[in-house]
N, C-alpha and C. Protein backbone atom coordinates (compact mmCIF):
# COMPACT_ATOMS: atom_id res chain seq x y z
N MET A 1 94.45 75.68 -31.32
CA MET A 1 94.75 76.60 -30.24
C MET A 1 95.84 77.56 -30.72
N THR A 2 95.58 78.83 -30.58
CA THR A 2 96.54 79.83 -31.02
C THR A 2 97.62 80.04 -29.97
N ASN A 3 98.66 80.75 -30.35
CA ASN A 3 99.73 81.05 -29.41
C ASN A 3 99.24 81.93 -28.27
N ASN A 4 98.30 82.82 -28.57
CA ASN A 4 97.75 83.70 -27.55
C ASN A 4 97.00 82.89 -26.49
N GLN A 5 96.20 81.92 -26.92
CA GLN A 5 95.48 81.07 -25.98
C GLN A 5 96.43 80.19 -25.20
N LYS A 6 97.48 79.70 -25.84
CA LYS A 6 98.49 78.90 -25.15
C LYS A 6 99.20 79.72 -24.08
N ALA A 7 99.47 80.99 -24.38
CA ALA A 7 100.10 81.87 -23.40
C ALA A 7 99.19 82.09 -22.20
N LYS A 8 97.89 82.18 -22.44
CA LYS A 8 96.94 82.34 -21.34
C LYS A 8 96.90 81.09 -20.46
N LEU A 9 96.96 79.92 -21.09
CA LEU A 9 97.03 78.68 -20.31
C LEU A 9 98.31 78.61 -19.49
N ASP A 10 99.42 79.07 -20.08
CA ASP A 10 100.69 79.08 -19.36
C ASP A 10 100.64 80.00 -18.15
N VAL A 11 99.93 81.13 -18.26
CA VAL A 11 99.78 82.04 -17.13
C VAL A 11 99.03 81.34 -16.00
N LEU A 12 97.97 80.61 -16.34
CA LEU A 12 97.21 79.87 -15.33
C LEU A 12 98.05 78.76 -14.70
N VAL A 13 98.80 78.05 -15.53
CA VAL A 13 99.65 76.97 -15.01
C VAL A 13 100.70 77.54 -14.05
N ASN A 14 101.31 78.66 -14.42
CA ASN A 14 102.30 79.30 -13.54
C ASN A 14 101.66 79.75 -12.23
N PHE A 15 100.46 80.30 -12.31
CA PHE A 15 99.76 80.74 -11.10
C PHE A 15 99.46 79.56 -10.18
N LEU A 16 98.94 78.48 -10.74
CA LEU A 16 98.61 77.31 -9.93
C LEU A 16 99.86 76.67 -9.34
N THR A 17 100.93 76.65 -10.10
CA THR A 17 102.19 76.09 -9.60
C THR A 17 102.76 76.97 -8.48
N GLU A 18 102.69 78.26 -8.67
CA GLU A 18 103.21 79.20 -7.67
C GLU A 18 102.44 79.09 -6.36
N LYS A 19 101.12 78.91 -6.44
CA LYS A 19 100.28 78.81 -5.24
C LYS A 19 100.22 77.38 -4.70
N LYS A 20 100.93 76.46 -5.35
CA LYS A 20 101.00 75.05 -4.94
C LYS A 20 99.61 74.41 -4.92
N ILE A 21 98.84 74.69 -5.96
CA ILE A 21 97.54 74.08 -6.15
C ILE A 21 97.70 72.96 -7.18
N HIS A 22 97.33 71.75 -6.79
CA HIS A 22 97.49 70.58 -7.65
C HIS A 22 96.53 70.67 -8.83
N PHE A 23 97.00 70.35 -10.03
CA PHE A 23 96.17 70.39 -11.22
C PHE A 23 96.66 69.36 -12.23
N PHE A 24 95.80 69.05 -13.19
CA PHE A 24 96.14 68.18 -14.31
C PHE A 24 95.98 68.97 -15.59
N THR A 25 96.78 68.66 -16.58
CA THR A 25 96.55 69.23 -17.90
C THR A 25 95.95 68.15 -18.80
N THR A 26 95.14 68.57 -19.73
CA THR A 26 94.42 67.69 -20.66
C THR A 26 93.71 66.57 -19.91
N PHE A 27 92.78 66.95 -19.05
CA PHE A 27 92.01 66.00 -18.25
C PHE A 27 90.83 65.48 -19.05
N LYS A 28 90.67 64.17 -19.05
CA LYS A 28 89.48 63.56 -19.64
C LYS A 28 88.95 62.56 -18.63
N GLY A 29 87.86 62.91 -18.00
CA GLY A 29 87.28 62.05 -16.98
C GLY A 29 86.17 61.19 -17.55
N LYS A 30 85.13 60.97 -16.75
CA LYS A 30 84.01 60.14 -17.17
C LYS A 30 83.13 60.84 -18.20
N THR A 31 83.22 62.16 -18.27
CA THR A 31 82.42 62.88 -19.24
C THR A 31 83.08 62.78 -20.62
N PRO A 32 82.31 62.89 -21.69
CA PRO A 32 82.89 62.76 -23.03
C PRO A 32 83.59 64.03 -23.51
N VAL A 33 83.83 64.96 -22.61
CA VAL A 33 84.48 66.22 -22.99
C VAL A 33 85.88 66.26 -22.41
N LYS A 34 86.70 67.11 -22.93
CA LYS A 34 88.09 67.19 -22.52
C LYS A 34 88.40 68.62 -22.08
N ALA A 35 88.99 68.76 -20.90
CA ALA A 35 89.37 70.07 -20.39
C ALA A 35 90.87 70.26 -20.59
N ASP A 36 91.28 71.51 -20.74
CA ASP A 36 92.71 71.79 -20.90
C ASP A 36 93.44 71.79 -19.56
N ILE A 37 92.78 72.26 -18.52
CA ILE A 37 93.34 72.21 -17.16
C ILE A 37 92.22 71.78 -16.22
N TYR A 38 92.55 70.88 -15.29
CA TYR A 38 91.58 70.45 -14.29
C TYR A 38 92.19 70.60 -12.91
N VAL A 39 91.48 71.28 -12.02
CA VAL A 39 91.93 71.49 -10.64
C VAL A 39 91.01 70.66 -9.75
N PRO A 40 91.48 69.49 -9.28
CA PRO A 40 90.59 68.58 -8.54
C PRO A 40 90.14 69.11 -7.18
N LYS A 41 90.97 69.90 -6.51
CA LYS A 41 90.61 70.40 -5.18
C LYS A 41 89.34 71.24 -5.23
N PHE A 42 89.19 72.04 -6.28
CA PHE A 42 88.04 72.91 -6.41
C PHE A 42 87.09 72.46 -7.52
N ARG A 43 87.39 71.36 -8.18
CA ARG A 43 86.60 70.81 -9.30
C ARG A 43 86.40 71.86 -10.39
N ILE A 44 87.47 72.52 -10.78
CA ILE A 44 87.44 73.53 -11.84
C ILE A 44 87.97 72.90 -13.12
N MET A 45 87.22 73.07 -14.20
CA MET A 45 87.66 72.61 -15.51
C MET A 45 87.85 73.84 -16.39
N VAL A 46 89.08 74.05 -16.84
CA VAL A 46 89.42 75.19 -17.69
C VAL A 46 89.44 74.70 -19.13
N LYS A 47 88.76 75.42 -19.99
CA LYS A 47 88.65 75.02 -21.40
C LYS A 47 88.87 76.23 -22.28
N VAL A 48 89.70 76.06 -23.30
CA VAL A 48 89.89 77.11 -24.31
C VAL A 48 88.67 77.10 -25.21
N SER A 49 88.07 78.26 -25.39
CA SER A 49 86.85 78.38 -26.18
C SER A 49 87.10 77.96 -27.63
N GLU A 50 86.20 77.09 -28.13
CA GLU A 50 86.34 76.59 -29.50
C GLU A 50 85.15 76.97 -30.36
N GLY A 51 84.30 77.82 -29.87
CA GLY A 51 83.10 78.19 -30.61
C GLY A 51 81.86 77.97 -29.76
N LYS A 52 80.81 78.66 -30.09
CA LYS A 52 79.59 78.64 -29.29
C LYS A 52 79.00 77.24 -29.12
N GLU A 53 78.91 76.48 -30.19
CA GLU A 53 78.28 75.15 -30.11
C GLU A 53 79.08 74.18 -29.26
N LYS A 54 80.39 74.13 -29.47
CA LYS A 54 81.23 73.22 -28.68
C LYS A 54 81.29 73.65 -27.22
N ASP A 55 81.30 74.97 -26.97
CA ASP A 55 81.30 75.46 -25.59
C ASP A 55 80.01 75.11 -24.87
N ASP A 56 78.88 75.19 -25.58
CA ASP A 56 77.60 74.82 -24.98
C ASP A 56 77.56 73.33 -24.63
N ILE A 57 78.10 72.49 -25.50
CA ILE A 57 78.15 71.05 -25.22
C ILE A 57 79.01 70.79 -23.99
N PHE A 58 80.17 71.42 -23.93
CA PHE A 58 81.07 71.25 -22.78
C PHE A 58 80.37 71.71 -21.50
N TYR A 59 79.77 72.90 -21.55
CA TYR A 59 79.12 73.45 -20.36
C TYR A 59 77.99 72.55 -19.88
N ASN A 60 77.15 72.10 -20.78
CA ASN A 60 76.02 71.26 -20.39
C ASN A 60 76.46 69.92 -19.84
N ASN A 61 77.61 69.41 -20.25
CA ASN A 61 78.10 68.13 -19.74
C ASN A 61 78.75 68.24 -18.37
N VAL A 62 79.30 69.39 -18.02
CA VAL A 62 80.05 69.48 -16.77
C VAL A 62 79.42 70.39 -15.73
N LYS A 63 78.35 71.09 -16.03
CA LYS A 63 77.85 72.12 -15.14
C LYS A 63 77.31 71.59 -13.81
N TYR A 64 76.91 70.33 -13.73
CA TYR A 64 76.35 69.80 -12.50
C TYR A 64 77.41 69.25 -11.55
N HIS A 65 78.58 68.90 -12.06
CA HIS A 65 79.59 68.26 -11.23
C HIS A 65 80.89 69.06 -11.12
N PHE A 66 81.09 69.99 -12.04
CA PHE A 66 82.34 70.76 -12.06
C PHE A 66 82.01 72.24 -12.23
N HIS A 67 83.04 73.06 -12.11
CA HIS A 67 82.91 74.50 -12.32
C HIS A 67 83.68 74.85 -13.59
N PRO A 68 82.97 75.06 -14.71
CA PRO A 68 83.68 75.35 -15.97
C PRO A 68 84.18 76.79 -16.02
N LEU A 69 85.35 76.96 -16.61
CA LEU A 69 85.94 78.27 -16.82
C LEU A 69 86.45 78.30 -18.25
N PHE A 70 85.94 79.23 -19.03
CA PHE A 70 86.31 79.32 -20.44
C PHE A 70 87.34 80.41 -20.66
N ILE A 71 88.31 80.14 -21.52
CA ILE A 71 89.29 81.13 -21.95
C ILE A 71 88.93 81.51 -23.38
N ARG A 72 88.54 82.75 -23.55
CA ARG A 72 88.14 83.23 -24.88
C ARG A 72 89.27 84.01 -25.53
N GLU A 73 89.21 84.13 -26.82
CA GLU A 73 90.27 84.79 -27.59
C GLU A 73 90.41 86.26 -27.23
N ILE A 74 89.30 86.94 -26.93
CA ILE A 74 89.34 88.39 -26.71
C ILE A 74 89.79 88.77 -25.31
N GLU A 75 89.90 87.82 -24.40
CA GLU A 75 90.28 88.11 -23.02
C GLU A 75 91.79 88.25 -22.89
N THR A 76 92.21 89.14 -22.01
CA THR A 76 93.64 89.34 -21.77
C THR A 76 94.13 88.31 -20.74
N LYS A 77 95.43 88.18 -20.64
CA LYS A 77 96.02 87.24 -19.67
C LYS A 77 95.64 87.63 -18.24
N GLU A 78 95.67 88.92 -17.96
CA GLU A 78 95.34 89.39 -16.62
C GLU A 78 93.89 89.09 -16.26
N PHE A 79 93.00 89.25 -17.24
CA PHE A 79 91.60 88.97 -16.99
C PHE A 79 91.35 87.49 -16.75
N VAL A 80 92.02 86.63 -17.50
CA VAL A 80 91.88 85.19 -17.30
C VAL A 80 92.38 84.80 -15.91
N LEU A 81 93.49 85.36 -15.50
CA LEU A 81 94.03 85.08 -14.17
C LEU A 81 93.07 85.58 -13.09
N GLU A 82 92.49 86.75 -13.29
CA GLU A 82 91.54 87.30 -12.33
C GLU A 82 90.27 86.43 -12.25
N LYS A 83 89.81 85.91 -13.40
CA LYS A 83 88.66 85.02 -13.40
C LYS A 83 88.94 83.77 -12.56
N MET A 84 90.12 83.20 -12.72
CA MET A 84 90.49 82.01 -11.96
C MET A 84 90.56 82.33 -10.47
N GLN A 85 91.18 83.44 -10.12
CA GLN A 85 91.29 83.83 -8.72
C GLN A 85 89.92 84.05 -8.10
N ASN A 86 89.03 84.74 -8.80
CA ASN A 86 87.69 85.00 -8.28
C ASN A 86 86.90 83.71 -8.12
N LEU A 87 87.05 82.79 -9.04
CA LEU A 87 86.35 81.52 -8.94
C LEU A 87 86.84 80.72 -7.73
N ILE A 88 88.14 80.69 -7.53
CA ILE A 88 88.70 79.98 -6.37
C ILE A 88 88.22 80.61 -5.07
N ILE A 89 88.22 81.94 -5.01
CA ILE A 89 87.77 82.64 -3.80
C ILE A 89 86.30 82.34 -3.52
N ASP A 90 85.46 82.39 -4.55
CA ASP A 90 84.04 82.09 -4.38
C ASP A 90 83.83 80.67 -3.87
N LEU A 91 84.57 79.73 -4.43
CA LEU A 91 84.42 78.34 -4.00
C LEU A 91 84.91 78.15 -2.57
N MET A 92 85.96 78.85 -2.18
CA MET A 92 86.45 78.76 -0.81
C MET A 92 85.43 79.36 0.17
N LYS A 93 84.79 80.45 -0.23
CA LYS A 93 83.74 81.05 0.62
C LYS A 93 82.57 80.09 0.80
N LYS A 94 82.16 79.43 -0.28
CA LYS A 94 81.06 78.46 -0.20
C LYS A 94 81.43 77.29 0.70
N GLN A 95 82.67 76.81 0.60
CA GLN A 95 83.11 75.72 1.47
C GLN A 95 83.12 76.17 2.92
N HIS A 96 83.54 77.40 3.17
CA HIS A 96 83.62 77.91 4.53
C HIS A 96 82.21 78.01 5.14
N ILE A 97 81.26 78.51 4.37
CA ILE A 97 79.88 78.62 4.85
C ILE A 97 79.32 77.23 5.11
N LYS A 98 79.61 76.30 4.23
CA LYS A 98 79.10 74.93 4.37
C LYS A 98 79.63 74.27 5.65
N TYR A 99 80.90 74.47 5.95
CA TYR A 99 81.49 73.83 7.13
C TYR A 99 81.14 74.53 8.42
N ASN A 100 80.68 75.77 8.37
CA ASN A 100 80.32 76.50 9.58
C ASN A 100 78.88 76.25 10.01
N LYS A 101 78.12 75.52 9.20
CA LYS A 101 76.73 75.23 9.59
C LYS A 101 76.66 74.20 10.67
């Protein structure tokens, strides 16, 4: 993990802490894959991209039970934060629709 990717993870950790959203770092659950940040309330697994093959393995293992979010080298800190915010908003909208039925 490069310093740039670590800085992006720190931005996400600061955002989650500021919004008082509970999270774990270096989560390893029942799946054989490891996430860098796990947000249990929304079942989001954040993973630093390690290459196409490893990312595909991670995605295929968690796509049915969790919401994977990848941090790639070319993305800026602001874009990573915006991706997380949009994912949380989408999940909250889905929960709202589900509970209003």
